[in-house]
Amino acid sequence: MAILHIDSPVARGINKFVQMVYVGLLWFLCSIPVITLGAASAALYEVLLKLQKDEEGAIGAAFFRGFKANLKSSLPVWIPILLAEVVFGVNLFYYAVLGGGEFPVQSIVFGFLFLASLAAFGYAFPVMAKFENSTAGTFRMIFLLVIRNPGWTVVIAVIQALTLFVCWGFLYFPAMFIMGISGYAQAAIFNRIFDRLIEQGKITEANVEYK
């Protein structure tokens, strides 16, 4: 059948979906030690940013190459962001859920901070995957991207929150593969952001100074 021909849109779509699930599984397995979650996430986006543009090569080889390259450099970036998520998330749960609606101001403040930390977490790994930079430079770029792309920042935070909700609602099973799907949707956004900045001459992959 023509619809299932290897070059048909349906076959290409199925193949891309399988690749998303595959890289999501690699991310899950390499994140189990937790300490390696940052390197796994950077490797995930190194694959997905190219997959979204149909520039991918061997998925497994590209993933583990990115994983190895970011194993040490990812730690001082993702751990502070993760700690912020935990602190803000716990406070949000305490005031918004356990507080029974008696702390509306605190609930709004920590809700905002939690979503902001999710957005920062979402930006961190595509930035690490796309550009070589120092830890301070990476944080600076994340901050600038977050505040200069408010619309996309909200979308990224919502995708991050929905991903957590789906994993929680289905007893964590989707965590085994969902990052490949969720990450692909975000990769489309980041490619759009990065390509615009590169076209405008505000940043290059060789020169990561973004002002």
N, C-alpha and C. Protein backbone atom coordinates (compact mmCIF):
# COMPACT_ATOMS: atom_id res chain seq x y z
N MET A 1 0.84 -1.20 0.00
CA MET A 1 0.00 0.00 0.00
C MET A 1 0.87 1.25 0.00
N ALA A 2 0.47 2.23 -0.84
CA ALA A 2 1.28 3.44 -0.97
C ALA A 2 1.38 4.19 0.35
N ILE A 3 0.29 4.11 1.15
CA ILE A 3 0.29 4.86 2.41
C ILE A 3 1.34 4.37 3.38
N LEU A 4 1.75 3.09 3.24
CA LEU A 4 2.76 2.52 4.12
C LEU A 4 4.13 2.44 3.46
N HIS A 5 4.26 3.04 2.28
CA HIS A 5 5.56 3.08 1.61
C HIS A 5 6.55 3.80 2.50
N ILE A 6 7.80 3.40 2.43
CA ILE A 6 8.82 3.92 3.35
C ILE A 6 8.97 5.43 3.26
N ASP A 7 8.65 6.01 2.08
CA ASP A 7 8.79 7.45 1.92
C ASP A 7 7.47 8.20 2.06
N SER A 8 6.40 7.50 2.43
CA SER A 8 5.11 8.16 2.58
C SER A 8 5.08 8.98 3.87
N PRO A 9 4.25 10.02 3.93
CA PRO A 9 4.16 10.84 5.15
C PRO A 9 3.79 10.01 6.38
N VAL A 10 2.92 9.01 6.21
CA VAL A 10 2.51 8.19 7.33
C VAL A 10 3.68 7.37 7.87
N ALA A 11 4.42 6.74 6.95
CA ALA A 11 5.57 5.93 7.36
C ALA A 11 6.64 6.78 8.01
N ARG A 12 6.87 7.97 7.46
CA ARG A 12 7.87 8.87 8.05
C ARG A 12 7.42 9.32 9.44
N GLY A 13 6.11 9.59 9.58
CA GLY A 13 5.58 9.99 10.88
C GLY A 13 5.72 8.90 11.92
N ILE A 14 5.42 7.65 11.52
CA ILE A 14 5.56 6.52 12.44
C ILE A 14 7.01 6.33 12.84
N ASN A 15 7.90 6.45 11.85
CA ASN A 15 9.34 6.28 12.12
C ASN A 15 9.84 7.35 13.09
N LYS A 16 9.38 8.59 12.90
CA LYS A 16 9.81 9.67 13.78
C LYS A 16 9.27 9.45 15.19
N PHE A 17 8.02 8.99 15.30
CA PHE A 17 7.44 8.71 16.61
C PHE A 17 8.23 7.62 17.33
N VAL A 18 8.60 6.56 16.59
CA VAL A 18 9.40 5.48 17.18
C VAL A 18 10.74 6.02 17.66
N GLN A 19 11.34 6.92 16.90
CA GLN A 19 12.62 7.51 17.30
C GLN A 19 12.46 8.35 18.56
N MET A 20 11.35 9.08 18.68
CA MET A 20 11.07 9.86 19.90
C MET A 20 10.98 8.93 21.11
N VAL A 21 10.22 7.85 20.96
CA VAL A 21 10.05 6.90 22.06
C VAL A 21 11.40 6.28 22.42
N TYR A 22 12.19 5.95 21.41
CA TYR A 22 13.49 5.32 21.64
C TYR A 22 14.43 6.24 22.43
N VAL A 23 14.53 7.50 21.99
CA VAL A 23 15.42 8.43 22.70
C VAL A 23 14.87 8.74 24.09
N GLY A 24 13.52 8.70 24.22
CA GLY A 24 12.92 8.88 25.55
C GLY A 24 13.28 7.75 26.49
N LEU A 25 13.32 6.53 25.97
CA LEU A 25 13.72 5.38 26.78
C LEU A 25 15.20 5.47 27.18
N LEU A 26 16.04 5.92 26.25
CA LEU A 26 17.46 6.12 26.58
C LEU A 26 17.60 7.15 27.69
N TRP A 27 16.83 8.23 27.58
CA TRP A 27 16.86 9.27 28.62
C TRP A 27 16.45 8.68 29.97
N PHE A 28 15.38 7.90 29.98
CA PHE A 28 14.88 7.32 31.23
C PHE A 28 15.93 6.41 31.87
N LEU A 29 16.53 5.53 31.09
CA LEU A 29 17.51 4.58 31.61
C LEU A 29 18.75 5.30 32.15
N CYS A 30 19.18 6.34 31.42
CA CYS A 30 20.39 7.06 31.84
C CYS A 30 20.12 8.06 32.96
N SER A 31 18.84 8.30 33.28
CA SER A 31 18.50 9.21 34.37
C SER A 31 18.23 8.49 35.68
N ILE A 32 18.20 7.17 35.65
CA ILE A 32 17.87 6.41 36.85
C ILE A 32 18.82 6.73 38.02
N PRO A 33 20.13 6.90 37.78
CA PRO A 33 21.00 7.27 38.91
C PRO A 33 20.72 8.67 39.46
N VAL A 34 19.84 9.45 38.83
CA VAL A 34 19.45 10.81 39.20
C VAL A 34 20.59 11.80 39.00
N ILE A 35 21.77 11.50 39.50
CA ILE A 35 22.90 12.40 39.35
C ILE A 35 23.25 12.62 37.89
N THR A 36 22.88 11.67 37.03
CA THR A 36 23.19 11.77 35.60
C THR A 36 22.02 12.35 34.80
N LEU A 37 20.97 12.80 35.48
CA LEU A 37 19.79 13.31 34.79
C LEU A 37 20.13 14.50 33.89
N GLY A 38 21.00 15.38 34.35
CA GLY A 38 21.37 16.54 33.56
C GLY A 38 22.06 16.16 32.27
N ALA A 39 23.01 15.25 32.35
CA ALA A 39 23.72 14.80 31.15
C ALA A 39 22.77 14.09 30.19
N ALA A 40 21.86 13.28 30.74
CA ALA A 40 20.89 12.58 29.91
C ALA A 40 19.95 13.56 29.21
N SER A 41 19.55 14.62 29.90
CA SER A 41 18.64 15.60 29.32
C SER A 41 19.33 16.42 28.23
N ALA A 42 20.60 16.78 28.45
CA ALA A 42 21.35 17.49 27.41
C ALA A 42 21.51 16.61 26.18
N ALA A 43 21.79 15.33 26.40
CA ALA A 43 21.93 14.39 25.29
C ALA A 43 20.60 14.22 24.56
N LEU A 44 19.51 14.18 25.32
CA LEU A 44 18.17 14.07 24.73
C LEU A 44 17.93 15.20 23.73
N TYR A 45 18.23 16.43 24.15
CA TYR A 45 17.97 17.57 23.26
C TYR A 45 18.98 17.66 22.14
N GLU A 46 20.18 17.15 22.36
CA GLU A 46 21.14 17.12 21.25
C GLU A 46 20.59 16.28 20.10
N VAL A 47 19.88 15.22 20.43
CA VAL A 47 19.25 14.36 19.42
C VAL A 47 17.99 15.02 18.87
N LEU A 48 17.12 15.51 19.77
CA LEU A 48 15.81 15.99 19.35
C LEU A 48 15.87 17.28 18.54
N LEU A 49 16.81 18.16 18.84
CA LEU A 49 16.95 19.39 18.05
C LEU A 49 17.26 19.07 16.60
N LYS A 50 18.05 18.01 16.39
CA LYS A 50 18.36 17.58 15.02
C LYS A 50 17.23 16.77 14.41
N LEU A 51 16.59 15.94 15.24
CA LEU A 51 15.48 15.12 14.75
C LEU A 51 14.35 16.00 14.26
N GLN A 52 14.09 17.09 14.95
CA GLN A 52 13.00 17.98 14.57
C GLN A 52 13.26 18.63 13.21
N LYS A 53 14.54 18.75 12.83
CA LYS A 53 14.91 19.31 11.54
C LYS A 53 15.23 18.23 10.50
N ASP A 54 14.98 16.98 10.87
CA ASP A 54 15.30 15.84 9.99
C ASP A 54 16.79 15.78 9.67
N GLU A 55 17.62 16.12 10.67
CA GLU A 55 19.07 16.09 10.49
C GLU A 55 19.72 15.03 11.37
N GLU A 56 18.91 14.13 11.91
CA GLU A 56 19.43 13.14 12.84
C GLU A 56 20.28 12.10 12.11
N GLY A 57 21.22 11.53 12.84
CA GLY A 57 22.00 10.40 12.34
C GLY A 57 21.62 9.16 13.12
N ALA A 58 22.61 8.46 13.61
CA ALA A 58 22.36 7.29 14.45
C ALA A 58 21.93 7.78 15.83
N ILE A 59 20.69 7.52 16.22
CA ILE A 59 20.12 8.06 17.45
C ILE A 59 20.93 7.64 18.68
N GLY A 60 21.19 6.35 18.81
CA GLY A 60 21.89 5.85 19.99
C GLY A 60 23.29 6.43 20.12
N ALA A 61 24.04 6.44 19.01
CA ALA A 61 25.41 6.95 19.04
C ALA A 61 25.43 8.43 19.39
N ALA A 62 24.50 9.21 18.81
CA ALA A 62 24.44 10.64 19.08
C ALA A 62 24.06 10.89 20.54
N PHE A 63 23.14 10.10 21.06
CA PHE A 63 22.71 10.28 22.45
C PHE A 63 23.87 10.03 23.40
N PHE A 64 24.56 8.93 23.26
CA PHE A 64 25.63 8.60 24.21
C PHE A 64 26.85 9.50 24.02
N ARG A 65 27.04 10.02 22.83
CA ARG A 65 28.10 11.00 22.63
C ARG A 65 27.79 12.27 23.41
N GLY A 66 26.55 12.73 23.31
CA GLY A 66 26.13 13.91 24.07
C GLY A 66 26.13 13.66 25.56
N PHE A 67 25.73 12.47 25.97
CA PHE A 67 25.71 12.11 27.38
C PHE A 67 27.12 12.19 27.98
N LYS A 68 28.07 11.61 27.28
CA LYS A 68 29.46 11.61 27.77
C LYS A 68 30.02 13.04 27.81
N ALA A 69 29.72 13.83 26.79
CA ALA A 69 30.26 15.19 26.71
C ALA A 69 29.72 16.09 27.83
N ASN A 70 28.50 15.84 28.31
CA ASN A 70 27.87 16.71 29.31
C ASN A 70 27.84 16.11 30.71
N LEU A 71 28.50 14.98 30.90
CA LEU A 71 28.40 14.27 32.17
C LEU A 71 28.85 15.13 33.36
N LYS A 72 29.95 15.86 33.20
CA LYS A 72 30.46 16.68 34.30
C LYS A 72 29.93 18.11 34.24
N SER A 73 29.89 18.68 33.06
CA SER A 73 29.51 20.09 32.93
C SER A 73 28.05 20.35 33.26
N SER A 74 27.21 19.31 33.20
CA SER A 74 25.78 19.51 33.47
C SER A 74 25.47 19.66 34.96
N LEU A 75 26.30 19.09 35.82
CA LEU A 75 26.00 19.06 37.25
C LEU A 75 25.80 20.44 37.88
N PRO A 76 26.71 21.40 37.67
CA PRO A 76 26.51 22.71 38.31
C PRO A 76 25.39 23.53 37.70
N VAL A 77 24.80 23.05 36.61
CA VAL A 77 23.68 23.76 35.99
C VAL A 77 22.35 23.21 36.47
N TRP A 78 22.16 21.88 36.35
CA TRP A 78 20.83 21.34 36.61
C TRP A 78 20.53 21.11 38.09
N ILE A 79 21.55 20.86 38.90
CA ILE A 79 21.28 20.60 40.32
C ILE A 79 20.70 21.83 41.03
N PRO A 80 21.25 23.04 40.85
CA PRO A 80 20.61 24.21 41.49
C PRO A 80 19.18 24.43 41.01
N ILE A 81 18.93 24.21 39.73
CA ILE A 81 17.57 24.39 39.21
C ILE A 81 16.63 23.35 39.80
N LEU A 82 17.12 22.10 39.91
CA LEU A 82 16.30 21.04 40.49
C LEU A 82 15.97 21.34 41.95
N LEU A 83 16.95 21.82 42.70
CA LEU A 83 16.72 22.17 44.10
C LEU A 83 15.67 23.28 44.22
N ALA A 84 15.76 24.26 43.30
CA ALA A 84 14.76 25.33 43.30
C ALA A 84 13.37 24.78 43.03
N GLU A 85 13.27 23.85 42.08
CA GLU A 85 11.97 23.23 41.78
C GLU A 85 11.40 22.52 43.01
N VAL A 86 12.27 21.79 43.71
CA VAL A 86 11.83 21.05 44.89
C VAL A 86 11.35 22.01 45.98
N VAL A 87 12.13 23.05 46.26
CA VAL A 87 11.78 24.02 47.30
C VAL A 87 10.47 24.72 46.96
N PHE A 88 10.37 25.22 45.73
CA PHE A 88 9.16 25.93 45.33
C PHE A 88 7.96 24.99 45.24
N GLY A 89 8.20 23.77 44.76
CA GLY A 89 7.11 22.80 44.64
C GLY A 89 6.56 22.38 45.99
N VAL A 90 7.45 22.15 46.95
CA VAL A 90 7.01 21.76 48.29
C VAL A 90 6.22 22.89 48.95
N ASN A 91 6.72 24.12 48.81
CA ASN A 91 6.01 25.26 49.38
C ASN A 91 4.66 25.48 48.70
N LEU A 92 4.61 25.29 47.40
CA LEU A 92 3.35 25.41 46.69
C LEU A 92 2.34 24.38 47.18
N PHE A 93 2.79 23.15 47.36
CA PHE A 93 1.92 22.09 47.85
C PHE A 93 1.43 22.40 49.26
N TYR A 94 2.33 22.90 50.08
CA TYR A 94 1.97 23.21 51.48
C TYR A 94 0.91 24.32 51.54
N TYR A 95 1.15 25.42 50.81
CA TYR A 95 0.23 26.56 50.91
C TYR A 95 -1.05 26.36 50.10
N ALA A 96 -0.93 25.80 48.89
CA ALA A 96 -2.09 25.70 48.00
C ALA A 96 -2.96 24.49 48.30
N VAL A 97 -2.36 23.38 48.72
CA VAL A 97 -3.12 22.15 48.93
C VAL A 97 -3.40 21.93 50.42
N LEU A 98 -2.33 21.83 51.21
CA LEU A 98 -2.52 21.59 52.64
C LEU A 98 -3.11 22.80 53.35
N GLY A 99 -2.86 23.99 52.78
CA GLY A 99 -3.36 25.21 53.41
C GLY A 99 -4.85 25.41 53.27
N GLY A 100 -5.48 24.63 52.39
CA GLY A 100 -6.93 24.70 52.25
C GLY A 100 -7.45 26.05 51.77
N GLY A 101 -6.66 26.76 50.97
CA GLY A 101 -7.11 28.05 50.43
C GLY A 101 -6.93 29.22 51.35
N GLU A 102 -6.27 29.03 52.50
CA GLU A 102 -6.10 30.12 53.47
C GLU A 102 -4.87 30.98 53.19
N PHE A 103 -4.06 30.59 52.21
CA PHE A 103 -2.83 31.33 51.90
C PHE A 103 -2.77 31.66 50.41
N PRO A 104 -3.68 32.47 49.91
CA PRO A 104 -3.73 32.75 48.47
C PRO A 104 -2.49 33.46 47.93
N VAL A 105 -1.96 34.41 48.71
CA VAL A 105 -0.79 35.16 48.25
C VAL A 105 0.42 34.23 48.13
N GLN A 106 0.65 33.45 49.19
CA GLN A 106 1.78 32.52 49.15
C GLN A 106 1.62 31.49 48.03
N SER A 107 0.39 31.05 47.81
CA SER A 107 0.13 30.06 46.76
C SER A 107 0.46 30.64 45.38
N ILE A 108 0.08 31.89 45.16
CA ILE A 108 0.35 32.54 43.87
C ILE A 108 1.86 32.74 43.69
N VAL A 109 2.52 33.21 44.74
CA VAL A 109 3.96 33.48 44.65
C VAL A 109 4.74 32.21 44.36
N PHE A 110 4.48 31.16 45.13
CA PHE A 110 5.22 29.92 44.93
C PHE A 110 4.78 29.19 43.66
N GLY A 111 3.52 29.40 43.24
CA GLY A 111 3.09 28.85 41.97
C GLY A 111 3.86 29.48 40.82
N PHE A 112 4.02 30.80 40.88
CA PHE A 112 4.79 31.52 39.85
C PHE A 112 6.26 31.06 39.86
N LEU A 113 6.85 30.99 41.06
CA LEU A 113 8.25 30.59 41.16
C LEU A 113 8.47 29.16 40.68
N PHE A 114 7.50 28.29 40.98
CA PHE A 114 7.62 26.90 40.54
C PHE A 114 7.56 26.81 39.01
N LEU A 115 6.64 27.53 38.39
CA LEU A 115 6.55 27.53 36.94
C LEU A 115 7.80 28.16 36.31
N ALA A 116 8.33 29.20 36.95
CA ALA A 116 9.55 29.83 36.45
C ALA A 116 10.73 28.85 36.49
N SER A 117 10.81 28.07 37.58
CA SER A 117 11.90 27.09 37.69
C SER A 117 11.71 25.97 36.67
N LEU A 118 10.46 25.60 36.37
CA LEU A 118 10.21 24.61 35.33
C LEU A 118 10.66 25.13 33.96
N ALA A 119 10.37 26.41 33.70
CA ALA A 119 10.79 27.01 32.44
C ALA A 119 12.32 27.06 32.34
N ALA A 120 12.97 27.45 33.44
CA ALA A 120 14.43 27.49 33.45
C ALA A 120 15.01 26.10 33.22
N PHE A 121 14.39 25.08 33.85
CA PHE A 121 14.81 23.70 33.66
C PHE A 121 14.64 23.31 32.20
N GLY A 122 13.54 23.77 31.59
CA GLY A 122 13.28 23.45 30.19
C GLY A 122 14.28 24.10 29.25
N TYR A 123 14.71 25.32 29.55
CA TYR A 123 15.67 26.01 28.71
C TYR A 123 17.09 25.47 28.87
N ALA A 124 17.43 25.01 30.07
CA ALA A 124 18.81 24.68 30.39
C ALA A 124 19.42 23.65 29.44
N PHE A 125 18.72 22.58 29.18
CA PHE A 125 19.33 21.48 28.43
C PHE A 125 19.41 21.72 26.93
N PRO A 126 18.42 22.36 26.31
CA PRO A 126 18.61 22.73 24.91
C PRO A 126 19.78 23.70 24.73
N VAL A 127 19.94 24.64 25.67
CA VAL A 127 21.07 25.56 25.60
C VAL A 127 22.38 24.80 25.70
N MET A 128 22.47 23.86 26.63
CA MET A 128 23.68 23.06 26.80
C MET A 128 23.94 22.19 25.57
N ALA A 129 22.86 21.69 24.96
CA ALA A 129 23.01 20.82 23.80
C ALA A 129 23.45 21.60 22.56
N LYS A 130 22.99 22.84 22.44
CA LYS A 130 23.24 23.64 21.23
C LYS A 130 24.54 24.41 21.29
N PHE A 131 24.91 24.89 22.48
CA PHE A 131 26.05 25.80 22.59
C PHE A 131 27.04 25.32 23.65
N GLU A 132 28.30 25.62 23.42
CA GLU A 132 29.33 25.38 24.42
C GLU A 132 29.50 26.67 25.22
N ASN A 133 29.46 26.55 26.52
CA ASN A 133 29.52 27.75 27.35
C ASN A 133 29.98 27.38 28.74
N SER A 134 30.38 28.39 29.52
CA SER A 134 30.71 28.18 30.92
C SER A 134 29.40 28.04 31.70
N THR A 135 29.51 27.60 32.96
CA THR A 135 28.32 27.48 33.80
C THR A 135 27.65 28.83 33.98
N ALA A 136 28.44 29.87 34.28
CA ALA A 136 27.89 31.21 34.45
C ALA A 136 27.26 31.70 33.15
N GLY A 137 27.93 31.44 32.04
CA GLY A 137 27.40 31.86 30.76
C GLY A 137 26.11 31.15 30.41
N THR A 138 26.01 29.88 30.78
CA THR A 138 24.78 29.12 30.53
C THR A 138 23.63 29.70 31.33
N PHE A 139 23.86 29.98 32.62
CA PHE A 139 22.80 30.57 33.45
C PHE A 139 22.38 31.94 32.92
N ARG A 140 23.35 32.71 32.47
CA ARG A 140 23.03 34.04 31.94
C ARG A 140 22.18 33.92 30.69
N MET A 141 22.53 32.99 29.83
CA MET A 141 21.77 32.80 28.60
C MET A 141 20.36 32.30 28.89
N ILE A 142 20.23 31.38 29.86
CA ILE A 142 18.91 30.88 30.25
C ILE A 142 18.05 32.05 30.74
N PHE A 143 18.61 32.89 31.60
CA PHE A 143 17.87 34.02 32.14
C PHE A 143 17.40 34.96 31.04
N LEU A 144 18.30 35.29 30.11
CA LEU A 144 17.93 36.20 29.04
C LEU A 144 16.89 35.61 28.11
N LEU A 145 17.01 34.33 27.81
CA LEU A 145 16.04 33.68 26.94
C LEU A 145 14.66 33.62 27.60
N VAL A 146 14.65 33.35 28.90
CA VAL A 146 13.38 33.27 29.62
C VAL A 146 12.64 34.61 29.59
N ILE A 147 13.34 35.69 29.90
CA ILE A 147 12.66 36.99 30.01
C ILE A 147 12.40 37.62 28.64
N ARG A 148 13.17 37.25 27.61
CA ARG A 148 12.98 37.86 26.29
C ARG A 148 12.04 37.05 25.40
N ASN A 149 11.61 35.90 25.88
CA ASN A 149 10.65 35.09 25.13
C ASN A 149 9.51 34.69 26.05
N PRO A 150 8.79 35.68 26.60
CA PRO A 150 7.77 35.37 27.62
C PRO A 150 6.69 34.42 27.13
N GLY A 151 6.25 34.59 25.88
CA GLY A 151 5.21 33.71 25.36
C GLY A 151 5.66 32.27 25.28
N TRP A 152 6.83 32.06 24.70
CA TRP A 152 7.36 30.70 24.59
C TRP A 152 7.71 30.14 25.97
N THR A 153 8.15 31.02 26.86
CA THR A 153 8.48 30.57 28.22
C THR A 153 7.25 29.99 28.91
N VAL A 154 6.10 30.63 28.74
CA VAL A 154 4.86 30.12 29.31
C VAL A 154 4.51 28.76 28.70
N VAL A 155 4.64 28.66 27.37
CA VAL A 155 4.33 27.40 26.69
C VAL A 155 5.24 26.27 27.19
N ILE A 156 6.53 26.57 27.33
CA ILE A 156 7.49 25.56 27.79
C ILE A 156 7.16 25.13 29.22
N ALA A 157 6.84 26.10 30.08
CA ALA A 157 6.48 25.78 31.46
C ALA A 157 5.23 24.91 31.50
N VAL A 158 4.26 25.20 30.67
CA VAL A 158 3.03 24.41 30.62
C VAL A 158 3.32 22.99 30.15
N ILE A 159 4.16 22.85 29.12
CA ILE A 159 4.53 21.51 28.64
C ILE A 159 5.23 20.73 29.73
N GLN A 160 6.14 21.40 30.45
CA GLN A 160 6.84 20.75 31.55
C GLN A 160 5.85 20.29 32.63
N ALA A 161 4.92 21.18 32.98
CA ALA A 161 3.94 20.84 34.02
C ALA A 161 3.02 19.70 33.56
N LEU A 162 2.59 19.72 32.31
CA LEU A 162 1.73 18.66 31.79
C LEU A 162 2.46 17.33 31.76
N THR A 163 3.75 17.36 31.45
CA THR A 163 4.55 16.13 31.44
C THR A 163 4.58 15.51 32.84
N LEU A 164 4.82 16.36 33.85
CA LEU A 164 4.82 15.87 35.24
C LEU A 164 3.44 15.34 35.63
N PHE A 165 2.39 16.04 35.20
CA PHE A 165 1.02 15.63 35.54
C PHE A 165 0.68 14.28 34.92
N VAL A 166 1.06 14.07 33.66
CA VAL A 166 0.77 12.80 32.99
C VAL A 166 1.51 11.66 33.69
N CYS A 167 2.77 11.88 34.04
CA CYS A 167 3.54 10.84 34.74
C CYS A 167 2.90 10.52 36.09
N TRP A 168 2.49 11.56 36.81
CA TRP A 168 1.87 11.37 38.12
C TRP A 168 0.52 10.68 37.98
N GLY A 169 -0.28 11.11 37.03
CA GLY A 169 -1.62 10.57 36.86
C GLY A 169 -1.66 9.13 36.42
N PHE A 170 -0.62 8.70 35.71
CA PHE A 170 -0.58 7.32 35.22
C PHE A 170 0.48 6.50 35.94
N LEU A 171 0.70 6.84 37.22
CA LEU A 171 1.61 6.08 38.09
C LEU A 171 3.01 5.97 37.50
N TYR A 172 3.46 7.07 36.90
CA TYR A 172 4.85 7.22 36.45
C TYR A 172 5.22 6.40 35.22
N PHE A 173 4.35 5.52 34.73
CA PHE A 173 4.72 4.69 33.58
C PHE A 173 5.16 5.51 32.37
N PRO A 174 4.46 6.62 32.02
CA PRO A 174 4.90 7.40 30.86
C PRO A 174 6.30 7.97 30.98
N ALA A 175 6.84 8.05 32.21
CA ALA A 175 8.19 8.57 32.40
C ALA A 175 9.21 7.76 31.62
N MET A 176 8.87 6.52 31.27
CA MET A 176 9.79 5.65 30.55
C MET A 176 10.02 6.13 29.12
N PHE A 177 9.09 6.92 28.57
CA PHE A 177 9.25 7.32 27.18
C PHE A 177 8.76 8.74 26.88
N ILE A 178 7.99 9.34 27.78
CA ILE A 178 7.31 10.58 27.45
C ILE A 178 8.25 11.75 27.18
N MET A 179 9.47 11.72 27.74
CA MET A 179 10.39 12.83 27.50
C MET A 179 10.80 12.92 26.05
N GLY A 180 10.76 11.81 25.33
CA GLY A 180 11.05 11.88 23.91
C GLY A 180 9.98 12.64 23.16
N ILE A 181 8.73 12.47 23.55
CA ILE A 181 7.60 13.14 22.90
C ILE A 181 7.50 14.59 23.37
N SER A 182 7.53 14.78 24.68
CA SER A 182 7.49 16.12 25.25
C SER A 182 8.69 16.95 24.79
N GLY A 183 9.86 16.32 24.80
CA GLY A 183 11.07 17.02 24.39
C GLY A 183 11.06 17.41 22.93
N TYR A 184 10.43 16.59 22.09
CA TYR A 184 10.35 16.91 20.66
C TYR A 184 9.51 18.16 20.44
N ALA A 185 8.39 18.25 21.16
CA ALA A 185 7.54 19.45 21.06
C ALA A 185 8.32 20.69 21.48
N GLN A 186 9.11 20.57 22.53
CA GLN A 186 9.91 21.70 22.99
C GLN A 186 11.07 21.99 22.05
N ALA A 187 11.63 20.94 21.44
CA ALA A 187 12.73 21.13 20.49
C ALA A 187 12.28 21.99 19.31
N ALA A 188 11.02 21.84 18.89
CA ALA A 188 10.50 22.66 17.80
C ALA A 188 10.50 24.14 18.20
N ILE A 189 10.17 24.40 19.46
CA ILE A 189 10.17 25.78 19.97
C ILE A 189 11.59 26.32 20.04
N PHE A 190 12.50 25.52 20.58
CA PHE A 190 13.88 25.99 20.75
C PHE A 190 14.58 26.19 19.40
N ASN A 191 14.32 25.33 18.44
CA ASN A 191 14.89 25.55 17.11
C ASN A 191 14.43 26.87 16.54
N ARG A 192 13.17 27.19 16.76
CA ARG A 192 12.62 28.46 16.29
C ARG A 192 13.32 29.64 16.97
N ILE A 193 13.49 29.54 18.29
CA ILE A 193 14.15 30.61 19.03
C ILE A 193 15.61 30.75 18.62
N PHE A 194 16.33 29.64 18.60
CA PHE A 194 17.76 29.67 18.28
C PHE A 194 18.00 30.14 16.84
N ASP A 195 17.20 29.65 15.90
CA ASP A 195 17.39 30.04 14.50
C ASP A 195 17.14 31.53 14.31
N ARG A 196 16.14 32.08 15.01
CA ARG A 196 15.87 33.51 14.90
C ARG A 196 17.04 34.33 15.42
N LEU A 197 17.61 33.91 16.56
CA LEU A 197 18.74 34.64 17.13
C LEU A 197 19.96 34.56 16.23
N ILE A 198 20.19 33.39 15.63
CA ILE A 198 21.33 33.23 14.74
C ILE A 198 21.14 34.05 13.47
N GLU A 199 19.93 34.06 12.92
CA GLU A 199 19.64 34.86 11.72
C GLU A 199 19.80 36.35 11.99
N GLN A 200 19.45 36.78 13.20
CA GLN A 200 19.58 38.19 13.56
C GLN A 200 21.02 38.57 13.94
N GLY A 201 21.89 37.58 13.99
CA GLY A 201 23.29 37.83 14.33
C GLY A 201 23.53 38.08 15.79
N LYS A 202 22.53 37.78 16.64
CA LYS A 202 22.68 38.02 18.08
C LYS A 202 23.50 36.92 18.75
N ILE A 203 23.61 35.79 18.09
CA ILE A 203 24.34 34.67 18.67
C ILE A 203 24.75 33.72 17.56
N THR A 204 25.86 33.03 17.77
CA THR A 204 26.27 31.97 16.85
C THR A 204 26.65 30.78 17.69
N GLU A 205 26.72 29.63 17.05
CA GLU A 205 27.11 28.43 17.80
C GLU A 205 28.56 28.49 18.22
N ALA A 206 29.37 29.31 17.52
CA ALA A 206 30.79 29.44 17.89
C ALA A 206 30.97 30.53 18.94
N ASN A 207 30.11 31.56 18.89
CA ASN A 207 30.20 32.67 19.83
C ASN A 207 28.90 32.74 20.60
N VAL A 208 28.92 32.31 21.84
CA VAL A 208 27.68 32.17 22.60
C VAL A 208 27.36 33.41 23.44
N GLU A 209 28.11 34.47 23.27
CA GLU A 209 27.81 35.68 24.03
C GLU A 209 26.52 36.29 23.52
N TYR A 210 25.51 36.26 24.35
CA TYR A 210 24.17 36.72 23.98
C TYR A 210 23.83 37.92 24.86
N LYS A 211 23.58 39.06 24.21
CA LYS A 211 23.30 40.29 24.96
C LYS A 211 21.91 40.81 24.64
